[in-house]
Amino acid sequence: MANPLRAEVVRLYKNLLYLGREYPKGGDYFRDRLRAAFTKNKSVQDPAQIKEMIARGEYVARELEALYYLRKYRAMKKRYYEE
């Protein structure tokens, strides 16, 4: 029997993989760390624990987006204002 949360986990993995392409240390570094994190937790079967891990992954995704927006803002600010 397949886990009903599997689709949500796969969606999160793909989203993080997409966001990791622009990671400051490089996409390969991020992809390796992401794969290691998901592989480490692949044996978890408890739905409550899986939901907690999904919530943490979504938090990481939001933090990555914030990091990218901040970087974009700083680049724009540097173009228009001299400091």
PDB file of N, CA and C in Angstrom:
ATOM      1  N   MET A   1       0.837  -1.189   0.000  1.00  0.00           N
ATOM      2  CA  MET A   1       0.000   0.000   0.000  1.00  0.00           C
ATOM      3  C   MET A   1       0.878   1.246   0.000  1.00  0.00           C
ATOM      4  N   ALA A   2       0.608   2.146  -0.893  1.00  0.00           N
ATOM      5  CA  ALA A   2       1.393   3.371  -1.013  1.00  0.00           C
ATOM      6  C   ALA A   2       0.974   4.379   0.059  1.00  0.00           C
ATOM      7  N   ASN A   3       1.927   5.130   0.511  1.00  0.00           N
ATOM      8  CA  ASN A   3       1.669   6.148   1.518  1.00  0.00           C
ATOM      9  C   ASN A   3       0.948   7.332   0.856  1.00  0.00           C
ATOM     10  N   PRO A   4      -0.159   7.802   1.444  1.00  0.00           N
ATOM     11  CA  PRO A   4      -0.888   8.924   0.838  1.00  0.00           C
ATOM     12  C   PRO A   4      -0.107  10.246   0.846  1.00  0.00           C
ATOM     13  N   LEU A   5       0.914  10.347   1.668  1.00  0.00           N
ATOM     14  CA  LEU A   5       1.711  11.572   1.727  1.00  0.00           C
ATOM     15  C   LEU A   5       2.864  11.563   0.720  1.00  0.00           C
ATOM     16  N   ARG A   6       3.001  10.477  -0.003  1.00  0.00           N
ATOM     17  CA  ARG A   6       4.114  10.345  -0.935  1.00  0.00           C
ATOM     18  C   ARG A   6       4.108  11.454  -1.983  1.00  0.00           C
ATOM     19  N   ALA A   7       2.952  11.763  -2.538  1.00  0.00           N
ATOM     20  CA  ALA A   7       2.859  12.812  -3.559  1.00  0.00           C
ATOM     21  C   ALA A   7       3.292  14.164  -2.993  1.00  0.00           C
ATOM     22  N   GLU A   8       2.941  14.416  -1.753  1.00  0.00           N
ATOM     23  CA  GLU A   8       3.327  15.686  -1.127  1.00  0.00           C
ATOM     24  C   GLU A   8       4.843  15.757  -0.921  1.00  0.00           C
ATOM     25  N   VAL A   9       5.436  14.625  -0.539  1.00  0.00           N
ATOM     26  CA  VAL A   9       6.885  14.573  -0.343  1.00  0.00           C
ATOM     27  C   VAL A   9       7.605  14.769  -1.677  1.00  0.00           C
ATOM     28  N   VAL A  10       7.117  14.127  -2.727  1.00  0.00           N
ATOM     29  CA  VAL A  10       7.740  14.273  -4.046  1.00  0.00           C
ATOM     30  C   VAL A  10       7.620  15.709  -4.531  1.00  0.00           C
ATOM     31  N   ARG A  11       6.468  16.336  -4.316  1.00  0.00           N
ATOM     32  CA  ARG A  11       6.273  17.729  -4.708  1.00  0.00           C
ATOM     33  C   ARG A  11       7.261  18.639  -3.979  1.00  0.00           C
ATOM     34  N   LEU A  12       7.428  18.400  -2.672  1.00  0.00           N
ATOM     35  CA  LEU A  12       8.366  19.192  -1.877  1.00  0.00           C
ATOM     36  C   LEU A  12       9.792  19.004  -2.380  1.00  0.00           C
ATOM     37  N   TYR A  13      10.155  17.759  -2.672  1.00  0.00           N
ATOM     38  CA  TYR A  13      11.506  17.473  -3.166  1.00  0.00           C
ATOM     39  C   TYR A  13      11.766  18.219  -4.481  1.00  0.00           C
ATOM     40  N   LYS A  14      10.811  18.156  -5.401  1.00  0.00           N
ATOM     41  CA  LYS A  14      10.978  18.835  -6.691  1.00  0.00           C
ATOM     42  C   LYS A  14      11.056  20.343  -6.517  1.00  0.00           C
ATOM     43  N   ASN A  15      10.246  20.882  -5.628  1.00  0.00           N
ATOM     44  CA  ASN A  15      10.257  22.320  -5.379  1.00  0.00           C
ATOM     45  C   ASN A  15      11.606  22.754  -4.793  1.00  0.00           C
ATOM     46  N   LEU A  16      12.109  22.004  -3.815  1.00  0.00           N
ATOM     47  CA  LEU A  16      13.398  22.344  -3.222  1.00  0.00           C
ATOM     48  C   LEU A  16      14.525  22.178  -4.233  1.00  0.00           C
ATOM     49  N   LEU A  17      14.429  21.158  -5.066  1.00  0.00           N
ATOM     50  CA  LEU A  17      15.440  20.948  -6.090  1.00  0.00           C
ATOM     51  C   LEU A  17      15.469  22.125  -7.061  1.00  0.00           C
ATOM     52  N   TYR A  18      14.287  22.619  -7.421  1.00  0.00           N
ATOM     53  CA  TYR A  18      14.189  23.782  -8.303  1.00  0.00           C
ATOM     54  C   TYR A  18      14.771  25.023  -7.630  1.00  0.00           C
ATOM     55  N   LEU A  19      14.414  25.243  -6.373  1.00  0.00           N
ATOM     56  CA  LEU A  19      14.912  26.424  -5.656  1.00  0.00           C
ATOM     57  C   LEU A  19      16.414  26.344  -5.416  1.00  0.00           C
ATOM     58  N   GLY A  20      16.943  25.150  -5.295  1.00  0.00           N
ATOM     59  CA  GLY A  20      18.366  24.970  -5.004  1.00  0.00           C
ATOM     60  C   GLY A  20      19.289  25.291  -6.158  1.00  0.00           C
ATOM     61  N   ARG A  21      18.734  25.483  -7.341  1.00  0.00           N
ATOM     62  CA  ARG A  21      19.584  25.785  -8.495  1.00  0.00           C
ATOM     63  C   ARG A  21      20.349  27.080  -8.314  1.00  0.00           C
ATOM     64  N   GLU A  22      19.769  28.029  -7.610  1.00  0.00           N
ATOM     65  CA  GLU A  22      20.389  29.352  -7.429  1.00  0.00           C
ATOM     66  C   GLU A  22      21.077  29.494  -6.072  1.00  0.00           C
ATOM     67  N   TYR A  23      21.313  28.386  -5.376  1.00  0.00           N
ATOM     68  CA  TYR A  23      21.906  28.437  -4.040  1.00  0.00           C
ATOM     69  C   TYR A  23      23.309  29.054  -4.118  1.00  0.00           C
ATOM     70  N   PRO A  24      23.665  29.913  -3.152  1.00  0.00           N
ATOM     71  CA  PRO A  24      24.961  30.603  -3.218  1.00  0.00           C
ATOM     72  C   PRO A  24      26.181  29.673  -3.291  1.00  0.00           C
ATOM     73  N   LYS A  25      26.131  28.521  -2.650  1.00  0.00           N
ATOM     74  CA  LYS A  25      27.275  27.607  -2.690  1.00  0.00           C
ATOM     75  C   LYS A  25      27.248  26.690  -3.910  1.00  0.00           C
ATOM     76  N   GLY A  26      26.221  26.822  -4.718  1.00  0.00           N
ATOM     77  CA  GLY A  26      26.146  26.035  -5.944  1.00  0.00           C
ATOM     78  C   GLY A  26      25.008  25.024  -5.908  1.00  0.00           C
ATOM     79  N   GLY A  27      24.469  24.757  -7.063  1.00  0.00           N
ATOM     80  CA  GLY A  27      23.355  23.824  -7.171  1.00  0.00           C
ATOM     81  C   GLY A  27      23.749  22.398  -6.836  1.00  0.00           C
ATOM     82  N   ASP A  28      24.984  22.017  -7.182  1.00  0.00           N
ATOM     83  CA  ASP A  28      25.435  20.659  -6.878  1.00  0.00           C
ATOM     84  C   ASP A  28      25.550  20.436  -5.377  1.00  0.00           C
ATOM     85  N   TYR A  29      26.066  21.418  -4.673  1.00  0.00           N
ATOM     86  CA  TYR A  29      26.170  21.330  -3.214  1.00  0.00           C
ATOM     87  C   TYR A  29      24.785  21.160  -2.589  1.00  0.00           C
ATOM     88  N   PHE A  30      23.844  21.982  -3.035  1.00  0.00           N
ATOM     89  CA  PHE A  30      22.497  21.927  -2.481  1.00  0.00           C
ATOM     90  C   PHE A  30      21.827  20.596  -2.810  1.00  0.00           C
ATOM     91  N   ARG A  31      21.972  20.141  -4.063  1.00  0.00           N
ATOM     92  CA  ARG A  31      21.344  18.891  -4.476  1.00  0.00           C
ATOM     93  C   ARG A  31      21.872  17.709  -3.667  1.00  0.00           C
ATOM     94  N   ASP A  32      23.179  17.690  -3.411  1.00  0.00           N
ATOM     95  CA  ASP A  32      23.758  16.605  -2.616  1.00  0.00           C
ATOM     96  C   ASP A  32      23.226  16.618  -1.191  1.00  0.00           C
ATOM     97  N   ARG A  33      23.137  17.802  -0.605  1.00  0.00           N
ATOM     98  CA  ARG A  33      22.608  17.909   0.765  1.00  0.00           C
ATOM     99  C   ARG A  33      21.132  17.538   0.823  1.00  0.00           C
ATOM    100  N   LEU A  34      20.373  17.954  -0.186  1.00  0.00           N
ATOM    101  CA  LEU A  34      18.945  17.642  -0.250  1.00  0.00           C
ATOM    102  C   LEU A  34      18.738  16.141  -0.377  1.00  0.00           C
ATOM    103  N   ARG A  35      19.461  15.519  -1.273  1.00  0.00           N
ATOM    104  CA  ARG A  35      19.342  14.079  -1.477  1.00  0.00           C
ATOM    105  C   ARG A  35      19.702  13.319  -0.202  1.00  0.00           C
ATOM    106  N   ALA A  36      20.751  13.757   0.492  1.00  0.00           N
ATOM    107  CA  ALA A  36      21.162  13.102   1.736  1.00  0.00           C
ATOM    108  C   ALA A  36      20.077  13.226   2.804  1.00  0.00           C
ATOM    109  N   ALA A  37      19.446  14.393   2.890  1.00  0.00           N
ATOM    110  CA  ALA A  37      18.402  14.601   3.898  1.00  0.00           C
ATOM    111  C   ALA A  37      17.184  13.717   3.620  1.00  0.00           C
ATOM    112  N   PHE A  38      16.780  13.631   2.360  1.00  0.00           N
ATOM    113  CA  PHE A  38      15.625  12.815   2.018  1.00  0.00           C
ATOM    114  C   PHE A  38      15.942  11.326   2.161  1.00  0.00           C
ATOM    115  N   THR A  39      17.152  10.921   1.813  1.00  0.00           N
ATOM    116  CA  THR A  39      17.543   9.519   1.933  1.00  0.00           C
ATOM    117  C   THR A  39      17.616   9.097   3.393  1.00  0.00           C
ATOM    118  N   LYS A  40      18.097   9.987   4.236  1.00  0.00           N
ATOM    119  CA  LYS A  40      18.215   9.680   5.662  1.00  0.00           C
ATOM    120  C   LYS A  40      16.849   9.387   6.279  1.00  0.00           C
ATOM    121  N   ASN A  41      15.824  10.058   5.801  1.00  0.00           N
ATOM    122  CA  ASN A  41      14.494   9.928   6.395  1.00  0.00           C
ATOM    123  C   ASN A  41      13.541   9.071   5.573  1.00  0.00           C
ATOM    124  N   LYS A  42      14.049   8.311   4.619  1.00  0.00           N
ATOM    125  CA  LYS A  42      13.151   7.546   3.751  1.00  0.00           C
ATOM    126  C   LYS A  42      12.457   6.385   4.450  1.00  0.00           C
ATOM    127  N   SER A  43      12.974   5.947   5.583  1.00  0.00           N
ATOM    128  CA  SER A  43      12.364   4.809   6.278  1.00  0.00           C
ATOM    129  C   SER A  43      11.280   5.221   7.267  1.00  0.00           C
ATOM    130  N   VAL A  44      11.008   6.499   7.413  1.00  0.00           N
ATOM    131  CA  VAL A  44       9.995   6.977   8.350  1.00  0.00           C
ATOM    132  C   VAL A  44       8.612   6.600   7.824  1.00  0.00           C
ATOM    133  N   GLN A  45       7.785   5.989   8.684  1.00  0.00           N
ATOM    134  CA  GLN A  45       6.459   5.526   8.285  1.00  0.00           C
ATOM    135  C   GLN A  45       5.327   6.254   9.006  1.00  0.00           C
ATOM    136  N   ASP A  46       5.625   6.909  10.118  1.00  0.00           N
ATOM    137  CA  ASP A  46       4.601   7.573  10.922  1.00  0.00           C
ATOM    138  C   ASP A  46       4.089   8.826  10.197  1.00  0.00           C
ATOM    139  N   PRO A  47       2.783   8.874   9.867  1.00  0.00           N
ATOM    140  CA  PRO A  47       2.245  10.039   9.135  1.00  0.00           C
ATOM    141  C   PRO A  47       2.436  11.371   9.864  1.00  0.00           C
ATOM    142  N   ALA A  48       2.331  11.364  11.185  1.00  0.00           N
ATOM    143  CA  ALA A  48       2.512  12.616  11.932  1.00  0.00           C
ATOM    144  C   ALA A  48       3.943  13.119  11.792  1.00  0.00           C
ATOM    145  N   GLN A  49       4.895  12.214  11.860  1.00  0.00           N
ATOM    146  CA  GLN A  49       6.295  12.601  11.739  1.00  0.00           C
ATOM    147  C   GLN A  49       6.597  13.056  10.310  1.00  0.00           C
ATOM    148  N   ILE A  50       5.987  12.405   9.328  1.00  0.00           N
ATOM    149  CA  ILE A  50       6.176  12.809   7.934  1.00  0.00           C
ATOM    150  C   ILE A  50       5.623  14.215   7.719  1.00  0.00           C
ATOM    151  N   LYS A  51       4.472  14.509   8.304  1.00  0.00           N
ATOM    152  CA  LYS A  51       3.886  15.854   8.178  1.00  0.00           C
ATOM    153  C   LYS A  51       4.787  16.907   8.804  1.00  0.00           C
ATOM    154  N   GLU A  52       5.415  16.573   9.940  1.00  0.00           N
ATOM    155  CA  GLU A  52       6.346  17.511  10.573  1.00  0.00           C
ATOM    156  C   GLU A  52       7.546  17.779   9.661  1.00  0.00           C
ATOM    157  N   MET A  53       8.048  16.717   9.041  1.00  0.00           N
ATOM    158  CA  MET A  53       9.186  16.889   8.136  1.00  0.00           C
ATOM    159  C   MET A  53       8.791  17.689   6.898  1.00  0.00           C
ATOM    160  N   ILE A  54       7.582  17.490   6.395  1.00  0.00           N
ATOM    161  CA  ILE A  54       7.102  18.271   5.253  1.00  0.00           C
ATOM    162  C   ILE A  54       6.999  19.742   5.641  1.00  0.00           C
ATOM    163  N   ALA A  55       6.490  20.001   6.847  1.00  0.00           N
ATOM    164  CA  ALA A  55       6.386  21.392   7.310  1.00  0.00           C
ATOM    165  C   ALA A  55       7.768  22.030   7.412  1.00  0.00           C
ATOM    166  N   ARG A  56       8.742  21.264   7.890  1.00  0.00           N
ATOM    167  CA  ARG A  56      10.105  21.800   7.987  1.00  0.00           C
ATOM    168  C   ARG A  56      10.678  22.068   6.600  1.00  0.00           C
ATOM    169  N   GLY A  57      10.409  21.170   5.661  1.00  0.00           N
ATOM    170  CA  GLY A  57      10.875  21.367   4.291  1.00  0.00           C
ATOM    171  C   GLY A  57      10.253  22.586   3.650  1.00  0.00           C
ATOM    172  N   GLU A  58       8.971  22.824   3.910  1.00  0.00           N
ATOM    173  CA  GLU A  58       8.306  24.012   3.376  1.00  0.00           C
ATOM    174  C   GLU A  58       8.873  25.282   4.000  1.00  0.00           C
ATOM    175  N   TYR A  59       9.259  25.203   5.263  1.00  0.00           N
ATOM    176  CA  TYR A  59       9.912  26.330   5.923  1.00  0.00           C
ATOM    177  C   TYR A  59      11.249  26.636   5.235  1.00  0.00           C
ATOM    178  N   VAL A  60      11.999  25.594   4.929  1.00  0.00           N
ATOM    179  CA  VAL A  60      13.283  25.776   4.237  1.00  0.00           C
ATOM    180  C   VAL A  60      13.049  26.417   2.871  1.00  0.00           C
ATOM    181  N   ALA A  61      12.002  25.989   2.175  1.00  0.00           N
ATOM    182  CA  ALA A  61      11.685  26.568   0.864  1.00  0.00           C
ATOM    183  C   ALA A  61      11.374  28.055   0.991  1.00  0.00           C
ATOM    184  N   ARG A  62      10.601  28.424   1.996  1.00  0.00           N
ATOM    185  CA  ARG A  62      10.284  29.844   2.194  1.00  0.00           C
ATOM    186  C   ARG A  62      11.545  30.645   2.524  1.00  0.00           C
ATOM    187  N   GLU A  63      12.440  30.062   3.317  1.00  0.00           N
ATOM    188  CA  GLU A  63      13.684  30.748   3.659  1.00  0.00           C
ATOM    189  C   GLU A  63      14.566  30.934   2.422  1.00  0.00           C
ATOM    190  N   LEU A  64      14.600  29.932   1.557  1.00  0.00           N
ATOM    191  CA  LEU A  64      15.373  30.067   0.316  1.00  0.00           C
ATOM    192  C   LEU A  64      14.808  31.172  -0.560  1.00  0.00           C
ATOM    193  N   GLU A  65      13.490  31.226  -0.671  1.00  0.00           N
ATOM    194  CA  GLU A  65      12.868  32.283  -1.460  1.00  0.00           C
ATOM    195  C   GLU A  65      13.201  33.652  -0.880  1.00  0.00           C
ATOM    196  N   ALA A  66      13.172  33.771   0.435  1.00  0.00           N
ATOM    197  CA  ALA A  66      13.509  35.040   1.077  1.00  0.00           C
ATOM    198  C   ALA A  66      14.965  35.412   0.805  1.00  0.00           C
ATOM    199  N   LEU A  67      15.842  34.424   0.830  1.00  0.00           N
ATOM    200  CA  LEU A  67      17.251  34.654   0.543  1.00  0.00           C
ATOM    201  C   LEU A  67      17.440  35.177  -0.871  1.00  0.00           C
ATOM    202  N   TYR A  68      16.721  34.607  -1.824  1.00  0.00           N
ATOM    203  CA  TYR A  68      16.844  35.033  -3.214  1.00  0.00           C
ATOM    204  C   TYR A  68      16.271  36.429  -3.424  1.00  0.00           C
ATOM    205  N   TYR A  69      15.137  36.729  -2.777  1.00  0.00           N
ATOM    206  CA  TYR A  69      14.558  38.069  -2.907  1.00  0.00           C
ATOM    207  C   TYR A  69      15.483  39.111  -2.294  1.00  0.00           C
ATOM    208  N   LEU A  70      16.100  38.777  -1.185  1.00  0.00           N
ATOM    209  CA  LEU A  70      17.025  39.708  -0.548  1.00  0.00           C
ATOM    210  C   LEU A  70      18.233  39.949  -1.451  1.00  0.00           C
ATOM    211  N   ARG A  71      18.730  38.907  -2.070  1.00  0.00           N
ATOM    212  CA  ARG A  71      19.868  39.053  -2.972  1.00  0.00           C
ATOM    213  C   ARG A  71      19.497  39.921  -4.172  1.00  0.00           C
ATOM    214  N   LYS A  72      18.297  39.708  -4.704  1.00  0.00           N
ATOM    215  CA  LYS A  72      17.831  40.504  -5.840  1.00  0.00           C
ATOM    216  C   LYS A  72      17.672  41.972  -5.428  1.00  0.00           C
ATOM    217  N   TYR A  73      17.120  42.197  -4.229  1.00  0.00           N
ATOM    218  CA  TYR A  73      16.942  43.559  -3.735  1.00  0.00           C
ATOM    219  C   TYR A  73      18.288  44.257  -3.570  1.00  0.00           C
ATOM    220  N   ARG A  74      19.248  43.557  -3.015  1.00  0.00           N
ATOM    221  CA  ARG A  74      20.570  44.161  -2.820  1.00  0.00           C
ATOM    222  C   ARG A  74      21.232  44.506  -4.146  1.00  0.00           C
ATOM    223  N   ALA A  75      21.067  43.653  -5.145  1.00  0.00           N
ATOM    224  CA  ALA A  75      21.653  43.924  -6.455  1.00  0.00           C
ATOM    225  C   ALA A  75      21.010  45.159  -7.076  1.00  0.00           C
ATOM    226  N   MET A  76      19.692  45.270  -6.960  1.00  0.00           N
ATOM    227  CA  MET A  76      19.007  46.443  -7.507  1.00  0.00           C
ATOM    228  C   MET A  76      19.410  47.704  -6.763  1.00  0.00           C
ATOM    229  N   LYS A  77      19.518  47.601  -5.461  1.00  0.00           N
ATOM    230  CA  LYS A  77      19.900  48.761  -4.659  1.00  0.00           C
ATOM    231  C   LYS A  77      21.310  49.221  -5.030  1.00  0.00           C
ATOM    232  N   LYS A  78      22.197  48.287  -5.260  1.00  0.00           N
ATOM    233  CA  LYS A  78      23.573  48.622  -5.612  1.00  0.00           C
ATOM    234  C   LYS A  78      23.640  49.337  -6.957  1.00  0.00           C
ATOM    235  N   ARG A  79      22.744  48.989  -7.876  1.00  0.00           N
ATOM    236  CA  ARG A  79      22.735  49.625  -9.183  1.00  0.00           C
ATOM    237  C   ARG A  79      22.296  51.086  -9.127  1.00  0.00           C
ATOM    238  N   TYR A  80      21.371  51.392  -8.234  1.00  0.00           N
ATOM    239  CA  TYR A  80      20.757  52.719  -8.220  1.00  0.00           C
ATOM    240  C   TYR A  80      21.295  53.648  -7.136  1.00  0.00           C
ATOM    241  N   TYR A  81      21.893  53.109  -6.112  1.00  0.00           N
ATOM    242  CA  TYR A  81      22.383  53.936  -5.010  1.00  0.00           C
ATOM    243  C   TYR A  81      23.833  53.622  -4.747  1.00  0.00           C
ATOM    244  N   GLU A  82      24.605  54.655  -4.554  1.00  0.00           N
ATOM    245  CA  GLU A  82      26.009  54.452  -4.220  1.00  0.00           C
ATOM    246  C   GLU A  82      26.163  54.522  -2.717  1.00  0.00           C
ATOM    247  N   GLU A  83      26.897  53.585  -2.201  1.00  0.00           N
ATOM    248  CA  GLU A  83      27.141  53.563  -0.744  1.00  0.00           C
ATOM    249  C   GLU A  83      28.600  53.533  -0.444  1.00  0.00           C
TER     250      GLU A  83
END
